[in-house]
Protein backbone atom coordinates (compact mmCIF):
# COMPACT_ATOMS: atom_id res chain seq x y z
CA UNK A 1 -39.28 -49.04 -59.32
CA UNK A 2 -42.70 -51.04 -60.37
CA UNK A 3 -44.82 -49.24 -59.95
CA UNK A 4 -48.23 -50.87 -58.41
CA UNK A 5 -52.25 -49.87 -57.69
CA UNK A 6 -53.19 -48.32 -54.42
CA UNK A 7 -57.28 -47.43 -53.05
CA UNK A 8 -57.40 -44.23 -52.77
CA UNK A 9 -60.45 -42.60 -50.15
CA UNK A 10 -61.80 -39.19 -50.41
CA UNK A 11 -63.44 -36.81 -47.46
CA UNK A 12 -66.31 -36.57 -49.63
CA UNK A 13 -68.09 -39.98 -48.76
CA UNK A 14 -68.45 -41.20 -52.68
CA UNK A 15 -66.23 -44.32 -51.90
CA UNK A 16 -62.45 -44.76 -53.43
CA UNK A 17 -60.76 -44.95 -56.66
CA UNK A 18 -57.71 -46.51 -58.54
CA UNK A 19 -55.09 -44.14 -58.70
CA UNK A 20 -51.89 -46.06 -60.98
CA UNK A 21 -48.38 -44.27 -60.15
CA UNK A 22 -46.37 -43.65 -63.04
CA UNK A 23 -44.13 -41.65 -64.00
CA UNK A 24 -44.89 -38.23 -63.17
CA UNK A 25 -43.89 -34.55 -62.83
CA UNK A 26 -43.60 -33.73 -59.74
CA UNK A 27 -45.28 -30.71 -57.73
CA UNK A 28 -43.58 -27.13 -56.68
CA UNK A 29 -45.56 -27.38 -52.93
CA UNK A 30 -44.52 -30.69 -52.13
CA UNK A 31 -41.11 -30.57 -53.37
CA UNK A 32 -39.46 -29.15 -50.52
CA UNK A 33 -41.40 -31.41 -47.81
CA UNK A 34 -40.40 -34.95 -49.72
CA UNK A 35 -37.01 -34.03 -50.22
CA UNK A 36 -35.60 -35.89 -47.14
CA UNK A 37 -37.47 -38.73 -48.09
CA UNK A 38 -36.62 -38.74 -51.87
CA UNK A 39 -35.01 -41.94 -51.78
CA UNK A 40 -37.15 -44.17 -49.18
CA UNK A 41 -40.19 -45.74 -49.27
CA UNK A 42 -43.16 -43.79 -47.29
CA UNK A 43 -45.90 -46.08 -45.75
CA UNK A 44 -49.05 -44.88 -45.90
CA UNK A 45 -52.37 -46.12 -43.15
CA UNK A 46 -55.37 -45.25 -43.73
CA UNK A 47 -56.08 -42.59 -41.22
CA UNK A 48 -57.74 -39.49 -41.97
CA UNK A 49 -55.62 -36.06 -40.30
CA UNK A 50 -56.91 -33.53 -41.66
CA UNK A 51 -60.61 -32.42 -42.57
CA UNK A 52 -62.41 -29.39 -43.09
CA UNK A 53 -65.99 -29.78 -41.33
CA UNK A 54 -67.07 -26.96 -43.61
CA UNK A 55 -66.59 -28.76 -47.03
CA UNK A 56 -67.81 -31.40 -45.98
CA UNK A 57 -71.17 -30.17 -44.99
CA UNK A 58 -71.33 -27.58 -47.82
CA UNK A 59 -72.18 -29.20 -51.02
CA UNK A 60 -71.36 -25.80 -52.97
CA UNK A 61 -68.24 -25.14 -51.97
CA UNK A 62 -66.90 -29.43 -51.89
CA UNK A 63 -66.35 -28.73 -55.65
CA UNK A 64 -64.15 -25.50 -55.10
CA UNK A 65 -62.18 -26.80 -52.25
CA UNK A 66 -59.42 -29.06 -51.95
CA UNK A 67 -60.14 -32.12 -52.27
CA UNK A 68 -58.69 -34.28 -48.97
CA UNK A 69 -57.41 -37.92 -50.29
CA UNK A 70 -56.39 -41.11 -47.42
CA UNK A 71 -53.97 -43.45 -49.06
CA UNK A 72 -55.49 -46.55 -47.85
CA UNK A 73 -53.02 -49.55 -47.44
CA UNK A 74 -49.89 -48.63 -49.90
CA UNK A 75 -46.37 -47.86 -49.80
CA UNK A 76 -45.56 -45.18 -52.73
CA UNK A 77 -42.14 -43.58 -52.74
CA UNK A 78 -42.08 -39.67 -53.38
CA UNK A 79 -42.13 -39.63 -57.28
CA UNK A 80 -44.87 -42.13 -57.25
CA UNK A 81 -47.06 -39.10 -55.23
CA UNK A 82 -46.09 -36.66 -57.53
CA UNK A 83 -50.07 -34.54 -58.98
CA UNK A 84 -49.91 -33.28 -61.90
CA UNK A 85 -51.09 -29.92 -62.49
CA UNK A 86 -54.41 -31.09 -64.19
CA UNK A 87 -55.26 -32.72 -60.82
CA UNK A 88 -54.21 -30.03 -59.05
CA UNK A 89 -57.72 -29.92 -56.86
CA UNK A 90 -56.34 -32.93 -55.12
CA UNK A 91 -54.53 -33.03 -51.72
CA UNK A 92 -53.18 -36.31 -51.03
CA UNK A 93 -51.68 -36.24 -47.84
CA UNK A 94 -49.59 -38.99 -46.68
CA UNK A 95 -49.00 -40.49 -42.89
CA UNK A 96 -45.06 -40.48 -41.82
CA UNK A 97 -43.93 -43.50 -39.67
CA UNK A 98 -42.35 -41.95 -36.60
CA UNK A 99 -39.38 -43.95 -34.68
CA UNK A 100 -40.54 -44.37 -31.21
CA UNK A 101 -38.42 -41.52 -29.63
CA UNK A 102 -40.58 -39.24 -31.93
CA UNK A 103 -44.00 -40.95 -30.98
CA UNK A 104 -42.69 -40.04 -27.45
CA UNK A 105 -41.86 -36.34 -28.28
CA UNK A 106 -45.22 -36.18 -29.68
CA UNK A 107 -47.58 -37.72 -27.25
CA UNK A 108 -45.60 -35.21 -24.30
CA UNK A 109 -45.92 -32.28 -26.54
CA UNK A 110 -50.26 -32.87 -26.85
CA UNK A 111 -50.37 -33.60 -23.12
CA UNK A 112 -49.02 -30.44 -22.58
CA UNK A 113 -51.26 -28.51 -24.79
CA UNK A 114 -53.96 -30.46 -23.27
CA UNK A 115 -53.15 -29.24 -19.78
CA UNK A 116 -52.32 -26.22 -20.68
CA UNK A 117 -56.10 -25.95 -22.21
CA UNK A 118 -57.28 -26.96 -18.58
CA UNK A 119 -56.08 -24.71 -16.26
CA UNK A 120 -56.72 -21.54 -18.00
CA UNK A 121 -59.54 -20.90 -20.69
CA UNK A 122 -58.79 -20.79 -24.63
CA UNK A 123 -59.09 -17.88 -26.72
CA UNK A 124 -62.53 -19.72 -27.76
CA UNK A 125 -63.76 -20.68 -24.66
CA UNK A 126 -63.28 -16.64 -23.30
CA UNK A 127 -65.02 -15.34 -26.30
CA UNK A 128 -67.83 -17.68 -26.04
CA UNK A 129 -67.57 -16.44 -22.21
CA UNK A 130 -67.80 -13.20 -22.91
CA UNK A 131 -70.81 -12.95 -25.90
CA UNK A 132 -72.78 -14.81 -23.35
CA UNK A 133 -72.19 -12.18 -20.62
CA UNK A 134 -72.74 -9.21 -23.24
CA UNK A 135 -75.95 -10.17 -24.08
CA UNK A 136 -77.54 -10.74 -20.31
CA UNK A 137 -76.10 -6.98 -19.55
CA UNK A 138 -78.78 -3.64 -20.70
CA UNK A 139 -76.90 -1.82 -23.44
CA UNK A 140 -77.71 1.77 -21.66
CA UNK A 141 -76.85 0.80 -18.02
CA UNK A 142 -74.32 -1.77 -18.15
CA UNK A 143 -76.41 -3.80 -15.80
CA UNK A 144 -78.17 -7.18 -15.77
CA UNK A 145 -81.69 -7.80 -16.49
CA UNK A 146 -83.91 -8.47 -13.28
CA UNK A 147 -87.35 -10.98 -13.93
CA UNK A 148 -89.20 -8.51 -11.64
CA UNK A 149 -88.91 -5.01 -11.16
CA UNK A 150 -88.15 -2.00 -12.88
CA UNK A 151 -84.95 -3.33 -14.69
CA UNK A 152 -87.11 -5.97 -16.35
CA UNK A 153 -86.20 -7.31 -19.34
CA UNK A 154 -88.26 -5.27 -22.50
CA UNK A 155 -87.79 -4.96 -26.12
CA UNK A 156 -88.72 -2.41 -29.20
CA UNK A 157 -89.91 -2.61 -32.35
CA UNK A 158 -86.64 -3.01 -34.17
CA UNK A 159 -85.60 -5.86 -31.34
CA UNK A 160 -83.35 -4.83 -29.39
CA UNK A 161 -83.50 -5.78 -25.54
CA UNK A 162 -82.61 -3.18 -23.20
CA UNK A 163 -84.01 -2.69 -19.47
CA UNK A 164 -87.67 -1.33 -18.99
CA UNK A 165 -86.43 1.62 -16.37
CA UNK A 166 -83.18 2.21 -18.64
CA UNK A 167 -85.32 2.44 -21.92
CA UNK A 168 -88.53 4.73 -20.59
CA UNK A 169 -85.62 7.24 -19.01
CA UNK A 170 -83.94 7.34 -22.33
CA UNK A 171 -87.15 8.56 -24.52
CA UNK A 172 -87.49 11.80 -22.26
CA UNK A 173 -84.29 12.81 -24.23
CA UNK A 174 -84.15 10.65 -27.81
CA UNK A 175 -86.72 9.34 -29.64
CA UNK A 176 -85.08 7.04 -31.58
CA UNK A 177 -83.57 3.27 -30.53
CA UNK A 178 -80.12 3.82 -28.26
CA UNK A 179 -78.72 1.06 -30.42
CA UNK A 180 -79.70 1.16 -33.60
CA UNK A 181 -81.09 5.19 -34.01
CA UNK A 182 -84.07 3.74 -35.60
CA UNK A 183 -87.47 5.81 -34.77
CA UNK A 184 -88.94 4.58 -31.48
CA UNK A 185 -90.93 5.61 -28.96
CA UNK A 186 -92.43 4.68 -25.41
CA UNK A 187 -95.87 3.02 -26.64
CA UNK A 188 -93.28 0.67 -28.64
CA UNK A 189 -91.83 -0.68 -25.28
CA UNK A 190 -92.81 -4.35 -24.84
CA UNK A 191 -91.89 -6.71 -22.33
CA UNK A 192 -90.22 -10.07 -22.66
CA UNK A 193 -91.07 -13.13 -21.28
CA UNK A 194 -88.29 -16.04 -22.50
CA UNK A 195 -86.75 -19.48 -21.30
CA UNK A 196 -83.60 -19.02 -21.11
CA UNK A 197 -83.28 -16.04 -20.15
CA UNK A 198 -80.94 -15.62 -16.82
CA UNK A 199 -82.46 -13.43 -14.64
CA UNK A 200 -81.32 -12.03 -11.90
CA UNK A 201 -83.92 -13.04 -8.65
CA UNK A 202 -84.27 -9.18 -7.14
CA UNK A 203 -87.51 -10.22 -5.26
CA UNK A 204 -85.56 -10.32 -1.91
CA UNK A 205 -83.83 -6.45 -3.23
CA UNK A 206 -87.36 -5.14 -4.26
CA UNK A 207 -88.34 -6.14 -0.25
CA UNK A 208 -85.61 -4.51 1.17
CA UNK A 209 -85.84 -1.46 -0.91
CA UNK A 210 -89.33 -1.39 -0.07
CA UNK A 211 -88.99 -1.57 3.65
CA UNK A 212 -86.09 0.92 3.26
CA UNK A 213 -88.78 3.54 1.70
CA UNK A 214 -91.50 2.61 4.47
CA UNK A 215 -87.81 2.96 7.13
CA UNK A 216 -87.38 6.39 5.09
CA UNK A 217 -91.06 7.46 5.59
CA UNK A 218 -91.46 6.88 8.98
CA UNK A 219 -88.43 8.40 9.66
CA UNK A 220 -89.75 11.59 7.95
CA UNK A 221 -92.94 11.46 10.15
CA UNK A 222 -91.28 10.97 13.47
CA UNK A 223 -89.04 13.97 12.45
CA UNK A 224 -92.24 15.97 11.49
CA UNK A 225 -94.21 15.14 14.80
CA UNK A 226 -90.93 15.66 17.05
CA UNK A 227 -91.06 19.25 15.02
CA UNK A 228 -94.43 19.50 16.44
CA UNK A 229 -93.97 18.72 19.89
CA UNK A 230 -90.95 20.88 19.75
CA UNK A 231 -93.53 24.08 18.96
CA UNK A 232 -96.03 23.00 21.39
CA UNK A 233 -93.90 22.61 23.87
CA UNK A 234 -92.09 26.03 23.41
CA UNK A 235 -95.79 27.74 23.58
CA UNK A 236 -96.72 25.63 26.37
CA UNK A 237 -93.54 27.19 28.19
CA UNK A 238 -94.43 31.10 26.30
CA UNK A 239 -98.00 30.59 27.71
CA UNK A 240 -96.89 29.52 31.39
CA UNK A 241 -94.34 32.55 31.53
CA UNK A 242 -97.01 34.96 30.98
CA UNK A 243 -99.36 33.51 33.10
CA UNK A 244 -96.03 33.53 35.88
CA UNK A 245 -96.13 37.39 34.89
CA UNK A 246 -99.78 38.10 35.43
CA UNK A 247 -100.13 36.18 38.56
CA UNK A 248 -97.34 38.17 39.67
CA UNK A 249 -98.71 41.46 38.66
CA UNK A 250 -101.87 41.23 40.11
CA UNK A 251 -100.14 40.03 43.47
CA UNK A 252 -98.41 42.99 43.36
CA UNK A 253 -102.11 45.46 42.15
CA UNK A 254 -103.33 47.90 44.81
CA UNK A 255 -106.60 46.71 43.81
CA UNK A 256 -106.35 43.37 45.04
CA UNK A 257 -106.19 44.70 48.22
CA UNK A 258 -108.55 47.27 48.17
CA UNK A 259 -111.17 43.99 46.94
CA UNK A 260 -109.79 41.87 50.20
CA UNK A 261 -111.54 44.91 52.43
CA UNK A 262 -114.95 43.95 51.05
CA UNK A 263 -116.57 41.13 52.71
CA UNK A 264 -118.88 38.66 51.20
CA UNK A 265 -121.18 37.10 52.66
CA UNK A 266 -121.95 33.60 52.60
CA UNK A 267 -124.88 31.15 53.54
CA UNK A 268 -123.51 28.07 54.87
CA UNK A 269 -127.00 25.90 54.41
CA UNK A 270 -127.54 22.15 55.71
CA UNK A 271 -130.51 19.95 56.24
CA UNK A 272 -130.74 20.85 59.81
CA UNK A 273 -133.73 22.19 61.44
CA UNK A 274 -134.03 25.81 61.61
CA UNK A 275 -133.21 26.14 65.24
CA UNK A 276 -130.07 24.42 64.87
CA UNK A 277 -129.52 26.40 61.54
CA UNK A 278 -126.12 28.03 61.63
CA UNK A 279 -125.07 30.99 59.11
CA UNK A 280 -121.77 31.82 58.85
CA UNK A 281 -119.90 34.50 56.98
CA UNK A 282 -116.74 33.95 54.77
CA UNK A 283 -114.26 36.66 52.97
CA UNK A 284 -113.84 35.34 49.58
CA UNK A 285 -112.07 37.46 47.02
CA UNK A 286 -112.93 37.03 42.96
CA UNK A 287 -110.61 39.15 41.08
CA UNK A 288 -112.05 40.71 37.41
CA UNK A 289 -110.33 38.68 35.00
CA UNK A 290 -111.25 38.48 31.06
CA UNK A 291 -114.00 40.15 29.12
CA UNK A 292 -115.18 38.29 26.29
CA UNK A 293 -117.46 40.19 24.08
CA UNK A 294 -120.09 37.12 22.71
CA UNK A 295 -122.13 39.36 20.38
CA UNK A 296 -122.27 43.09 19.11
CA UNK A 297 -125.81 42.77 18.26
CA UNK A 298 -126.64 42.11 22.43
CA UNK A 299 -129.32 39.40 22.84
CA UNK A 300 -127.41 37.27 24.51
CA UNK A 301 -130.22 36.13 27.59
CA UNK A 302 -128.93 32.74 28.93
CA UNK A 303 -126.22 30.24 28.69
CA UNK A 304 -124.84 27.02 30.34
CA UNK A 305 -121.45 25.24 31.76
CA UNK A 306 -120.75 21.48 31.34
CA UNK A 307 -117.99 20.44 33.83
CA UNK A 308 -116.90 17.30 32.01
CA UNK A 309 -116.36 19.21 28.53
CA UNK A 310 -115.16 23.11 30.39
CA UNK A 311 -116.93 24.67 27.42
CA UNK A 312 -119.89 27.51 28.40
CA UNK A 313 -122.71 27.53 25.83
CA UNK A 314 -123.93 30.95 25.58
CA UNK A 315 -127.11 32.03 23.60
CA UNK A 316 -126.79 34.92 20.77
CA UNK A 317 -128.60 36.30 17.53
CA UNK A 318 -126.75 35.41 14.39
CA UNK A 319 -124.47 38.19 13.06
CA UNK A 320 -124.95 37.84 9.48
CA UNK A 321 -127.15 38.98 6.85
CA UNK A 322 -131.28 38.87 7.08
CA UNK A 323 -131.02 35.19 4.86
CA UNK A 324 -129.31 33.38 7.78
CA UNK A 325 -131.36 35.10 10.65
CA UNK A 326 -132.13 33.28 13.40
CA UNK A 327 -130.39 32.24 17.18
CA UNK A 328 -127.59 29.29 18.05
CA UNK A 329 -125.02 29.22 20.71
CA UNK A 330 -121.65 30.07 20.84
CA UNK A 331 -119.29 27.73 22.37
CA UNK A 332 -116.05 28.97 24.68
CA UNK A 333 -113.57 27.03 26.12
CA UNK A 334 -113.10 27.57 29.59
CA UNK A 335 -109.60 26.73 29.75
CA UNK A 336 -108.19 29.67 27.36
CA UNK A 337 -111.18 31.93 27.33
CA UNK A 338 -111.80 31.62 23.55
CA UNK A 339 -114.58 30.76 21.27
CA UNK A 340 -114.60 27.47 19.57
CA UNK A 341 -117.48 27.50 17.72
CA UNK A 342 -121.46 29.05 16.90
CA UNK A 343 -124.16 26.12 16.09
CA UNK A 344 -127.22 27.30 14.65
CA UNK A 345 -130.49 26.66 16.72
CA UNK A 346 -133.51 28.17 16.54
CA UNK A 347 -135.40 30.85 14.34
CA UNK A 348 -135.79 33.20 17.54
CA UNK A 349 -134.93 34.22 20.66
CA UNK A 350 -133.56 31.27 23.17
CA UNK A 351 -134.69 32.26 26.93
CA UNK A 352 -133.29 28.68 28.24
CA UNK A 353 -130.23 26.67 27.81
CA UNK A 354 -128.97 22.70 29.71
CA UNK A 355 -127.09 20.47 29.29
CA UNK A 356 -127.38 16.59 29.67
CA UNK A 357 -125.39 15.84 32.91
CA UNK A 358 -124.89 11.65 32.18
CA UNK A 359 -124.92 12.66 28.14
CA UNK A 360 -122.46 16.04 28.40
CA UNK A 361 -122.37 16.46 24.46
CA UNK A 362 -126.62 16.85 24.44
CA UNK A 363 -127.33 20.47 25.18
CA UNK A 364 -131.30 20.97 25.66
CA UNK A 365 -132.85 24.22 24.28
CA UNK A 366 -136.10 26.13 24.69
CA UNK A 367 -136.93 28.94 22.14
CA UNK A 368 -139.83 31.82 21.56
CA UNK A 369 -140.15 30.01 17.85
CA UNK A 370 -142.58 26.72 20.20
CA UNK A 371 -139.58 24.57 19.78
CA UNK A 372 -137.49 22.49 22.32
CA UNK A 373 -134.33 21.41 20.38
CA UNK A 374 -131.61 18.34 21.37
CA UNK A 375 -128.23 19.38 19.99
CA UNK A 376 -125.40 17.91 20.16
CA UNK A 377 -122.14 19.73 20.90
CA UNK A 378 -119.85 17.05 19.23
CA UNK A 379 -121.36 16.60 15.54
CA UNK A 380 -122.76 20.43 15.47
CA UNK A 381 -125.80 19.27 14.52
CA UNK A 382 -129.69 19.22 15.98
CA UNK A 383 -130.35 15.85 16.53
CA UNK A 384 -133.75 16.20 17.92
CA UNK A 385 -137.18 18.85 17.51
CA UNK A 386 -140.37 18.85 19.61
CA UNK A 387 -142.95 21.33 18.84
CA UNK A 388 -145.05 22.41 21.95
CA UNK A 389 -147.68 24.77 20.33
CA UNK A 390 -146.60 27.28 22.79
CA UNK A 391 -143.59 29.64 23.78
CA UNK A 392 -140.98 27.93 25.36
CA UNK A 393 -139.59 29.76 28.54
CA UNK A 394 -137.42 27.11 30.57
CA UNK A 395 -136.68 23.99 29.94
CA UNK A 396 -134.41 20.97 32.38
CA UNK A 397 -132.89 17.88 32.19
CA UNK A 398 -134.57 15.03 34.36
CA UNK A 399 -131.31 14.05 36.70
CA UNK A 400 -132.77 10.44 37.86
CA UNK A 401 -133.83 9.11 34.05
CA UNK A 402 -130.94 11.38 31.48
CA UNK A 403 -133.81 10.41 28.79
CA UNK A 404 -136.80 12.44 30.02
CA UNK A 405 -136.41 16.04 30.34
CA UNK A 406 -139.65 19.01 30.39
CA UNK A 407 -140.43 22.29 29.11
CA UNK A 408 -141.97 25.33 30.93
CA UNK A 409 -144.59 27.17 28.82
CA UNK A 410 -145.58 30.74 28.94
CA UNK A 411 -149.13 29.62 29.94
CA UNK A 412 -147.72 28.19 32.68
CA UNK A 413 -148.05 24.72 31.66
CA UNK A 414 -145.11 22.34 32.39
CA UNK A 415 -144.24 19.11 29.71
CA UNK A 416 -142.32 16.17 30.02
CA UNK A 417 -140.77 14.30 26.86
CA UNK A 418 -139.38 11.01 26.37
CA UNK A 419 -136.43 11.76 24.14
CA UNK A 420 -137.05 7.68 22.88
CA UNK A 421 -140.91 9.04 21.64
CA UNK A 422 -139.54 11.85 18.82
CA UNK A 423 -143.54 13.38 18.30
CA UNK A 424 -144.99 14.19 21.31
CA UNK A 425 -145.00 14.45 25.02
CA UNK A 426 -145.64 12.13 27.77
CA UNK A 427 -146.79 13.91 30.70
CA UNK A 428 -148.63 17.21 31.57
CA UNK A 429 -148.35 19.18 34.21
CA UNK A 430 -151.02 22.00 34.63
CA UNK A 431 -151.05 25.12 37.27
CA UNK A 432 -152.90 23.67 40.29
CA UNK A 433 -155.47 25.32 41.68
CA UNK A 434 -155.15 28.79 43.03
CA UNK A 435 -152.26 29.67 40.79
CA UNK A 436 -152.55 31.87 37.49
CA UNK A 437 -151.60 30.78 34.35
CA UNK A 438 -148.14 32.65 34.41
CA UNK A 439 -145.03 31.46 32.42
CA UNK A 440 -143.01 29.21 33.79
CA UNK A 441 -139.75 31.17 34.04
CA UNK A 442 -137.71 28.66 35.64
CA UNK A 443 -137.52 24.94 36.32
CA UNK A 444 -135.25 22.50 37.92
CA UNK A 445 -135.30 19.03 38.73
CA UNK A 446 -134.38 17.71 42.30
CA UNK A 447 -133.26 14.19 42.29
CA UNK A 448 -133.25 11.88 44.71
CA UNK A 449 -130.21 11.94 46.98
CA UNK A 450 -128.52 11.04 49.73
CA UNK A 451 -131.10 9.67 52.55
CA UNK A 452 -133.74 11.62 51.04
CA UNK A 453 -136.75 9.76 49.83
CA UNK A 454 -138.57 12.22 48.04
CA UNK A 455 -137.54 14.35 44.76
CA UNK A 456 -138.97 16.03 41.62
CA UNK A 457 -139.65 19.17 39.83
CA UNK A 458 -139.30 22.56 41.09
CA UNK A 459 -141.35 25.29 39.30
CA UNK A 460 -140.66 28.77 38.88
CA UNK A 461 -143.39 30.88 37.69
CA UNK A 462 -143.91 34.45 38.02
CA UNK A 463 -146.03 34.22 41.41
CA UNK A 464 -143.72 32.14 43.27
CA UNK A 465 -142.54 28.03 43.36
CA UNK A 466 -144.39 25.42 42.99
CA UNK A 467 -142.49 22.10 44.03
CA UNK A 468 -143.90 18.72 41.77
CA UNK A 469 -143.40 15.48 44.17
CA UNK A 470 -142.56 12.83 41.45
CA UNK A 471 -144.35 9.30 42.87
CA UNK A 472 -143.62 6.59 40.13
CA UNK A 473 -145.70 7.98 36.90
CA UNK A 474 -147.11 10.53 38.87
CA UNK A 475 -146.59 14.28 40.04
CA UNK A 476 -148.40 15.61 43.32
CA UNK A 477 -148.17 19.90 43.46
CA UNK A 478 -147.12 21.51 46.77
CA UNK A 479 -147.51 25.45 46.74
CA UNK A 480 -144.20 27.11 48.11
CA UNK A 481 -144.89 30.02 49.88
CA UNK A 482 -143.47 32.98 48.02
CA UNK A 483 -144.03 36.95 48.83
CA UNK A 484 -147.35 39.06 47.34
CA UNK A 485 -147.21 41.87 45.37
CA UNK A 486 -143.89 41.16 43.27
CA UNK A 487 -142.96 39.19 40.43
CA UNK A 488 -140.51 36.37 41.13
CA UNK A 489 -137.87 36.53 38.20
CA UNK A 490 -135.79 33.28 38.66
CA UNK A 491 -135.12 30.08 41.16
CA UNK A 492 -132.20 28.08 41.42
CA UNK A 493 -132.11 24.66 43.55
CA UNK A 494 -128.99 23.06 44.78
CA UNK A 495 -129.72 19.06 45.07
CA UNK A 496 -127.61 18.22 47.41
CA UNK A 497 -128.86 20.52 49.85
CA UNK A 498 -132.31 21.00 48.58
CA UNK A 499 -131.87 24.74 49.77
CA UNK A 500 -133.24 27.28 46.59
CA UNK A 501 -132.74 30.44 45.63
CA UNK A 502 -136.08 33.17 44.68
CA UNK A 503 -135.16 36.22 43.00
CA UNK A 504 -137.87 39.18 43.11
CA UNK A 505 -138.12 42.28 41.32
CA UNK A 506 -138.57 45.82 43.24
CA UNK A 507 -141.95 46.16 44.81
CA UNK A 508 -143.91 49.25 45.94
CA UNK A 509 -143.14 48.30 49.95
CA UNK A 510 -138.94 47.16 48.94
CA UNK A 511 -137.49 49.24 46.29
CA UNK A 512 -134.78 46.88 45.72
CA UNK A 513 -134.04 43.56 44.15
CA UNK A 514 -133.90 40.73 46.89
CA UNK A 515 -132.34 37.07 46.39
CA UNK A 516 -134.13 35.10 48.84
CA UNK A 517 -131.85 32.25 49.94
CA UNK A 518 -134.44 29.12 51.69
CA UNK A 519 -134.48 25.58 52.79
CA UNK A 520 -137.25 23.13 51.45
CA UNK A 521 -137.68 20.84 54.17
CA UNK A 522 -140.30 17.59 53.75
CA UNK A 523 -141.65 15.22 55.97
CA UNK A 524 -143.97 11.87 56.54
CA UNK A 525 -147.27 12.85 57.91
CA UNK A 526 -148.97 9.70 59.68
CA UNK A 527 -152.22 11.00 59.14
CA UNK A 528 -152.44 11.19 56.00
CA UNK A 529 -149.29 9.11 54.60
CA UNK A 530 -148.33 11.49 52.23
CA UNK A 531 -145.12 13.41 52.61
CA UNK A 532 -145.34 17.27 53.49
CA UNK A 533 -143.07 20.20 52.75
CA UNK A 534 -142.58 23.37 54.21
CA UNK A 535 -140.01 25.74 53.68
CA UNK A 536 -137.67 27.83 56.07
CA UNK A 537 -136.39 31.47 54.93
CA UNK A 538 -132.32 31.43 55.86
CA UNK A 539 -131.42 34.56 54.12
CA UNK A 540 -131.39 37.31 52.28
CA UNK A 541 -129.61 39.31 49.89
CA UNK A 542 -130.15 42.74 48.37
CA UNK A 543 -128.95 44.42 45.25
CA UNK A 544 -130.27 47.69 43.39
CA UNK A 545 -133.26 49.00 42.91
CA UNK A 546 -133.77 48.38 38.97
CA UNK A 547 -134.21 45.51 37.51
CA UNK A 548 -135.29 46.09 33.62
CA UNK A 549 -134.25 42.41 32.69
CA UNK A 550 -134.89 39.25 34.06
CA UNK A 551 -131.91 38.28 34.83
CA UNK A 552 -130.68 34.91 36.16
CA UNK A 553 -128.90 34.03 39.45
CA UNK A 554 -126.98 31.02 40.00
CA UNK A 555 -126.46 29.08 43.67
CA UNK A 556 -123.57 26.58 43.33
CA UNK A 557 -121.22 25.14 46.00
CA UNK A 558 -118.62 27.29 47.73
CA UNK A 559 -115.17 26.02 46.50
CA UNK A 560 -113.89 25.87 49.94
CA UNK A 561 -116.30 22.80 50.23
CA UNK A 562 -117.91 25.04 53.20
CA UNK A 563 -121.05 25.88 52.30
CA UNK A 564 -123.06 27.61 49.27
CA UNK A 565 -122.57 30.84 47.12
CA UNK A 566 -125.09 32.95 45.58
CA UNK A 567 -124.21 34.52 42.73
CA UNK A 568 -126.64 37.55 41.42
CA UNK A 569 -126.49 40.77 38.87
CA UNK A 570 -126.91 44.04 39.96
CA UNK A 571 -128.19 46.06 37.42
CA UNK A 572 -128.25 48.98 39.00
CA UNK A 573 -124.58 48.81 39.60
CA UNK A 574 -124.07 46.96 36.44
CA UNK A 575 -121.83 44.49 38.48
CA UNK A 576 -122.03 40.75 39.73
CA UNK A 577 -122.90 40.04 43.59
CA UNK A 578 -121.06 37.07 45.04
């Protein structure tokens, strides 16, 4: 067979070269391949059937790898394609001409292969997906990273990436990288911010976690409150049961029957004229309930009661070392008759206490240290101090104007103060003509109540009572009748009925302590165009023959609402008379 030249094209991009056919030795690797068609000519086309991309890109490997040669447009026999051993680096791939049936079968096989690749992931696709999933998870907990929260993405100095919470927890047990075992520490942890990170948005998850934590805290708080209320309820039930037992025991006590036999006279007084005055006798029973020791040192002279707060303020010395010597008040709750607190007020003995009826948290106190103080029982602090210059024996509030109060001095002078003036007094009431400068033992203010058009200040001295009628900014004195030859210890006034109680010490003529209930009447005098006052004795109560101390009495409405009750102390019997 005559040989003819043909063009050969290689895959290295260096162009084509001429290969001249001739009688050559057949290559042993192609022997079996061309055995079937050794006697037939083979048509070679110009298409490339096989190429190695790596060899095309890598210039160093191009010389060592087999070179792909494409035979372009020539017909050669099998013998003409024999390649010598010297040219073993060149691989010639001929294109075999197939029959139509073979081409159809090949197309069918190719379509099936393509369909199978479409229906299921190939090995390379599965491998790539697996690598992608592995790159998005933390190698410690095998959970995906997040863009916020405790599992956000961070890396170490060695470059390995983990979840922040996981690697911090890892460092509690080991000081090495979980992946490469290089030395690492918590300060090496750095947050990673990358644009290609596929992070899971956990904002809603973190919000739900916070809500869950809040609900847990709220539930724990509710459980604690429920337990506290349960304990309080149990304590109240026990106290209620105890009180019921005490009531039952007192009802069955023989002391009650003996007490019921004692009759207590109570004067029921009204504003009617003396001729129409009716004094009725009423039987009442008071039982000793509980005794409270205020101070073991004694010197607890006076006390004041606040109805709105339900507390008693009792004066007492400060029971401690001399460094903290002084006097104050102990607050006692009337609900359970227990001491609540102690408030230090004065340096010397306290002679009088009074609560402001309109501002019930303010306590007025008079002391022998020449001061009148205003104390807040809410804050336990002295809010204002006034220096009277003399020893203060008594004090009271103006019930018509809660900003005014009065202080009675040992020289018989009464000073009026305004809480808006924090430096000095605003008025001064000196003893009228005919009265000596006796200490003011008690002060009581009579407000303008009901249909009465007069009011003022009732001043009780050792000589008796003086009523200072208040007219706008002036005070007019009215000396009220009093017993001679004895000293008046105390005076108490009922602001509604205008009745007042005078307490006298024993005298030479009368060897007993007397408590005289009197009625104060005021009528308009046409001749003088002034209000004139007179007093009428309603009833006299007698006590023991001893009176070493200037005891305080009390005049208050009866709980039944049908009169007044007089409460006075009996020093000889060491008891209280009602």
